[in-house]
C-alpha atoms as a PDB file:
ATOM      1  CA  MET A   1     161.577  50.860 120.833  1.00  0.00           C
ATOM      2  CA  LYS A   2     158.212  52.520 120.314  1.00  0.00           C
ATOM      3  CA  LYS A   3     158.039  55.268 117.758  1.00  0.00           C
ATOM      4  CA  LEU A   4     157.085  58.639 119.223  1.00  0.00           C
ATOM      5  CA  THR A   5     154.849  60.724 116.973  1.00  0.00           C
ATOM      6  CA  PRO A   6     153.098  64.006 117.673  1.00  0.00           C
ATOM      7  CA  LYS A   7     149.392  64.638 117.338  1.00  0.00           C
ATOM      8  CA  PHE A   8     148.510  68.246 116.533  1.00  0.00           C
ATOM      9  CA  THR A   9     145.101  69.707 117.329  1.00  0.00           C
ATOM     10  CA  VAL A  10     143.314  73.028 117.186  1.00  0.00           C
ATOM     11  CA  LEU A  11     142.089  74.326 120.548  1.00  0.00           C
ATOM     12  CA  THR A  12     138.548  75.604 120.865  1.00  0.00           C
ATOM     13  CA  PRO A  13     138.102  79.209 122.034  1.00  0.00           C
ATOM     14  CA  ALA A  14     137.084  77.880 125.486  1.00  0.00           C
ATOM     15  CA  GLN A  15     140.229  75.690 125.695  1.00  0.00           C
ATOM     16  CA  SER A  16     142.343  78.658 124.581  1.00  0.00           C
ATOM     17  CA  ARG A  17     140.830  80.866 127.294  1.00  0.00           C
ATOM     18  CA  ARG A  18     141.636  78.240 129.925  1.00  0.00           C
ATOM     19  CA  VAL A  19     145.302  78.334 128.837  1.00  0.00           C
ATOM     20  CA  LEU A  20     145.234  82.122 129.272  1.00  0.00           C
ATOM     21  CA  GLN A  21     143.644  81.805 132.720  1.00  0.00           C
ATOM     22  CA  ARG A  22     146.171  79.226 133.978  1.00  0.00           C
ATOM     23  CA  ASN A  23     149.177  81.357 133.079  1.00  0.00           C
ATOM     24  CA  HIS A  24     150.389  84.842 133.932  1.00  0.00           C
ATOM     25  CA  VAL A  25     153.316  85.546 131.582  1.00  0.00           C
ATOM     26  CA  GLY A  26     152.924  86.058 127.853  1.00  0.00           C
ATOM     27  CA  ARG A  27     154.559  87.911 124.978  1.00  0.00           C
ATOM     28  CA  LEU A  28     153.162  91.106 123.497  1.00  0.00           C
ATOM     29  CA  ALA A  29     153.998  91.772 119.838  1.00  0.00           C
ATOM     30  CA  TYR A  30     153.543  95.321 118.557  1.00  0.00           C
ATOM     31  CA  ARG A  31     154.671  97.546 115.696  1.00  0.00           C
ATOM     32  CA  THR A  32     157.227 100.261 116.283  1.00  0.00           C
ATOM     33  CA  ALA A  33     159.347 102.402 113.989  1.00  0.00           C
ATOM     34  CA  GLY A  34     158.631 100.313 110.888  1.00  0.00           C
ATOM     35  CA  THR A  35     159.413  96.997 112.566  1.00  0.00           C
ATOM     36  CA  VAL A  36     157.841  94.553 115.008  1.00  0.00           C
ATOM     37  CA  ASP A  37     158.971  94.050 118.591  1.00  0.00           C
ATOM     38  CA  ILE A  38     157.955  91.424 121.126  1.00  0.00           C
ATOM     39  CA  VAL A  39     158.334  91.563 124.902  1.00  0.00           C
ATOM     40  CA  PRO A  40     157.433  89.269 127.797  1.00  0.00           C
ATOM     41  CA  LEU A  41     154.852  90.707 130.197  1.00  0.00           C
ATOM     42  CA  GLY A  42     152.928  89.585 133.240  1.00  0.00           C
ATOM     43  CA  TYR A  43     149.169  89.625 132.806  1.00  0.00           C
ATOM     44  CA  VAL A  44     145.784  88.661 134.180  1.00  0.00           C
ATOM     45  CA  THR A  45     142.696  87.923 132.151  1.00  0.00           C
ATOM     46  CA  GLN A  46     138.968  88.093 132.618  1.00  0.00           C
ATOM     47  CA  GLY A  47     136.259  87.769 130.011  1.00  0.00           C
ATOM     48  CA  ARG A  48     137.320  89.376 126.724  1.00  0.00           C
ATOM     49  CA  TRP A  49     140.195  91.312 128.349  1.00  0.00           C
ATOM     50  CA  ILE A  50     143.858  90.799 129.154  1.00  0.00           C
ATOM     51  CA  TYR A  51     145.239  93.333 131.641  1.00  0.00           C
ATOM     52  CA  LEU A  52     148.915  94.337 131.539  1.00  0.00           C
ATOM     53  CA  ARG A  53     151.188  96.896 133.142  1.00  0.00           C
ATOM     54  CA  SER A  54     154.336  98.647 131.988  1.00  0.00           C
ATOM     55  CA  GLY A  55     156.685 101.464 132.830  1.00  0.00           C
ATOM     56  CA  ASP A  56     157.410 104.497 130.685  1.00  0.00           C
ATOM     57  CA  GLY A  57     159.208 103.768 127.450  1.00  0.00           C
ATOM     58  CA  THR A  58     159.127 103.074 123.753  1.00  0.00           C
ATOM     59  CA  LYS A  59     156.524 100.306 124.043  1.00  0.00           C
ATOM     60  CA  LEU A  60     153.864 102.666 125.410  1.00  0.00           C
ATOM     61  CA  ALA A  61     154.740 105.324 122.833  1.00  0.00           C
ATOM     62  CA  ALA A  62     154.390 102.719 120.072  1.00  0.00           C
ATOM     63  CA  LEU A  63     151.056 101.491 121.466  1.00  0.00           C
ATOM     64  CA  ALA A  64     149.742 105.069 121.554  1.00  0.00           C
ATOM     65  CA  ARG A  65     150.466 105.349 117.810  1.00  0.00           C
ATOM     66  CA  ASP A  66     149.333 101.844 116.840  1.00  0.00           C
ATOM     67  CA  PRO A  67     147.246  99.955 119.426  1.00  0.00           C
ATOM     68  CA  TYR A  68     146.741  96.776 117.359  1.00  0.00           C
ATOM     69  CA  VAL A  69     148.747  93.893 118.841  1.00  0.00           C
ATOM     70  CA  ALA A  70     149.195  90.155 119.141  1.00  0.00           C
ATOM     71  CA  PHE A  71     149.722  88.369 122.445  1.00  0.00           C
ATOM     72  CA  GLN A  72     150.980  84.795 122.851  1.00  0.00           C
ATOM     73  CA  VAL A  73     150.970  82.401 125.796  1.00  0.00           C
ATOM     74  CA  ASP A  74     152.537  78.934 125.787  1.00  0.00           C
ATOM     75  CA  GLU A  75     152.470  75.897 128.048  1.00  0.00           C
ATOM     76  CA  VAL A  76     155.407  73.644 127.161  1.00  0.00           C
ATOM     77  CA  ALA A  77     156.150  70.238 128.669  1.00  0.00           C
ATOM     78  CA  GLY A  78     158.269  68.948 125.782  1.00  0.00           C
ATOM     79  CA  PRO A  79     158.940  69.262 122.037  1.00  0.00           C
ATOM     80  CA  PHE A  80     155.649  67.531 121.197  1.00  0.00           C
ATOM     81  CA  ASP A  81     153.727  68.310 124.395  1.00  0.00           C
ATOM     82  CA  TRP A  82     152.596  71.906 124.318  1.00  0.00           C
ATOM     83  CA  LYS A  83     149.704  74.338 123.980  1.00  0.00           C
ATOM     84  CA  SER A  84     150.003  77.755 122.383  1.00  0.00           C
ATOM     85  CA  VAL A  85     147.406  80.531 122.286  1.00  0.00           C
ATOM     86  CA  VAL A  86     147.550  83.675 120.161  1.00  0.00           C
ATOM     87  CA  VAL A  87     145.264  86.632 120.818  1.00  0.00           C
ATOM     88  CA  LYS A  88     144.851  89.567 118.455  1.00  0.00           C
ATOM     89  CA  GLY A  89     143.216  92.760 119.575  1.00  0.00           C
ATOM     90  CA  THR A  90     143.409  96.406 120.515  1.00  0.00           C
ATOM     91  CA  VAL A  91     145.136  97.961 123.520  1.00  0.00           C
ATOM     92  CA  TYR A  92     143.346 100.626 125.565  1.00  0.00           C
ATOM     93  CA  MET A  93     145.104 102.684 128.232  1.00  0.00           C
ATOM     94  CA  LEU A  94     143.286 102.589 131.588  1.00  0.00           C
ATOM     95  CA  GLU A  95     143.895 105.853 133.390  1.00  0.00           C
ATOM     96  CA  GLN A  96     143.460 106.044 137.147  1.00  0.00           C
ATOM     97  CA  TYR A  97     142.297 109.656 136.809  1.00  0.00           C
ATOM     98  CA  GLY A  98     140.415 109.343 133.510  1.00  0.00           C
ATOM     99  CA  GLY A  99     136.692 109.374 132.945  1.00  0.00           C
ATOM    100  CA  PRO A 100     134.296 107.159 134.914  1.00  0.00           C
ATOM    101  CA  VAL A 101     134.633 104.159 132.576  1.00  0.00           C
ATOM    102  CA  GLN A 102     138.439 104.357 132.524  1.00  0.00           C
ATOM    103  CA  ARG A 103     138.595 104.687 136.321  1.00  0.00           C
ATOM    104  CA  ARG A 104     136.257 101.709 136.803  1.00  0.00           C
ATOM    105  CA  GLU A 105     138.268  99.551 134.362  1.00  0.00           C
ATOM    106  CA  HIS A 106     141.545 100.677 135.976  1.00  0.00           C
ATOM    107  CA  GLU A 107     140.256  99.656 139.425  1.00  0.00           C
ATOM    108  CA  LYS A 108     139.091  96.306 138.050  1.00  0.00           C
ATOM    109  CA  ALA A 109     142.493  95.680 136.420  1.00  0.00           C
ATOM    110  CA  VAL A 110     144.363  96.545 139.629  1.00  0.00           C
ATOM    111  CA  ARG A 111     142.085  94.286 141.681  1.00  0.00           C
ATOM    112  CA  LEU A 112     142.726  91.403 139.265  1.00  0.00           C
ATOM    113  CA  MET A 113     146.489  92.049 139.190  1.00  0.00           C
ATOM    114  CA  ARG A 114     146.567  91.824 142.956  1.00  0.00           C
ATOM    115  CA  THR A 115     145.249  88.254 142.745  1.00  0.00           C
ATOM    116  CA  ILE A 116     148.667  87.219 141.369  1.00  0.00           C
ATOM    117  CA  MET A 117     150.801  89.970 142.937  1.00  0.00           C
ATOM    118  CA  PRO A 118     149.173  91.294 146.127  1.00  0.00           C
ATOM    119  CA  ALA A 119     151.569  94.241 146.430  1.00  0.00           C
ATOM    120  CA  ALA A 120     150.918  95.506 142.878  1.00  0.00           C
ATOM    121  CA  LEU A 121     150.517  99.286 142.801  1.00  0.00           C
ATOM    122  CA  THR A 122     150.959  99.652 146.549  1.00  0.00           C
ATOM    123  CA  PRO A 123     153.909 101.188 148.414  1.00  0.00           C
ATOM    124  CA  ASP A 124     155.380  97.650 148.623  1.00  0.00           C
ATOM    125  CA  ASP A 125     155.173  97.014 144.862  1.00  0.00           C
ATOM    126  CA  PRO A 126     158.325  95.139 143.741  1.00  0.00           C
ATOM    127  CA  VAL A 127     158.171  96.942 140.353  1.00  0.00           C
ATOM    128  CA  PRO A 128     156.761 100.418 141.127  1.00  0.00           C
ATOM    129  CA  GLU A 129     158.028 101.809 137.821  1.00  0.00           C
ATOM    130  CA  ARG A 130     155.368  99.716 136.048  1.00  0.00           C
ATOM    131  CA  HIS A 131     152.517 102.057 136.877  1.00  0.00           C
ATOM    132  CA  HIS A 132     150.760 102.222 133.482  1.00  0.00           C
ATOM    133  CA  ILE A 133     147.806  99.853 133.230  1.00  0.00           C
ATOM    134  CA  TYR A 134     146.259  98.859 129.929  1.00  0.00           C
ATOM    135  CA  GLY A 135     143.729  96.389 128.675  1.00  0.00           C
ATOM    136  CA  LEU A 136     143.955  94.261 125.565  1.00  0.00           C
ATOM    137  CA  ASN A 137     140.487  93.691 124.156  1.00  0.00           C
ATOM    138  CA  ILE A 138     140.444  90.166 122.715  1.00  0.00           C
ATOM    139  CA  GLN A 139     139.080  90.362 119.181  1.00  0.00           C
ATOM    140  CA  ASN A 140     140.440  87.023 117.960  1.00  0.00           C
ATOM    141  CA  ILE A 141     141.738  84.010 119.868  1.00  0.00           C
ATOM    142  CA  THR A 142     143.279  80.881 118.376  1.00  0.00           C
ATOM    143  CA  GLY A 143     145.107  77.964 119.916  1.00  0.00           C
ATOM    144  CA  ARG A 144     147.002  74.865 118.871  1.00  0.00           C
ATOM    145  CA  ALA A 145     148.353  71.919 120.796  1.00  0.00           C
ATOM    146  CA  ALA A 146     150.688  69.003 120.311  1.00  0.00           C
ATOM    147  CA  ARG A 147     150.674  65.773 122.244  1.00  0.00           C
ATOM    148  CA  SER A 148     153.208  62.948 122.113  1.00  0.00           C
ATOM    149  CA  THR A 149     151.761  59.605 121.183  1.00  0.00           C
ATOM    150  CA  THR A 150     153.270  56.218 120.524  1.00  0.00           C
ATOM    151  CA  ALA A 151     152.105  53.621 118.016  1.00  0.00           C
ATOM    152  CA  ALA A 152     151.076  51.342 120.916  1.00  0.00           C
ATOM    153  CA  ARG A 153     148.947  54.025 122.567  1.00  0.00           C
ATOM    154  CA  ARG A 154     147.259  54.925 119.289  1.00  0.00           C
ATOM    155  CA  ARG A 155     146.216  51.309 118.654  1.00  0.00           C
ATOM    156  CA  THR A 156     144.555  50.977 122.078  1.00  0.00           C
ATOM    157  CA  ARG A 157     142.451  54.105 121.568  1.00  0.00           C
ATOM    158  CA  ARG A 158     140.787  53.020 118.325  1.00  0.00           C
END
């Protein structure tokens, strides 16, 4: 029986961004009431931004007080076959009726969200209560990966 061993690597920023682009569900970690919470959220990304949407609640109140967050996305095929990306940055609310920059960014976010959910923020929206749009400005991005290897495969690659 061949021994299975993992190989761990660090992803480049470009590789990490590709993981973000391929996926549309991640976990947002934020501080609230002296603790940390983490929630799964749908998202889209473009450039240095991740766009998210939420309904009213404690998460948005916490983000208004402390907009510094972490966001994680994983691709998992097995215990030693995975990629994980962590983004750290600042959340900015994108108001539909805000100033010109906010309105433009809000429209951009909605347009991007509709690439994965065409009915988003329309009368046919499956989650109409999630009407708050915000952008996470990516200030730091890191990624790691694991890949299963066997002793036989390693020898042939040398």
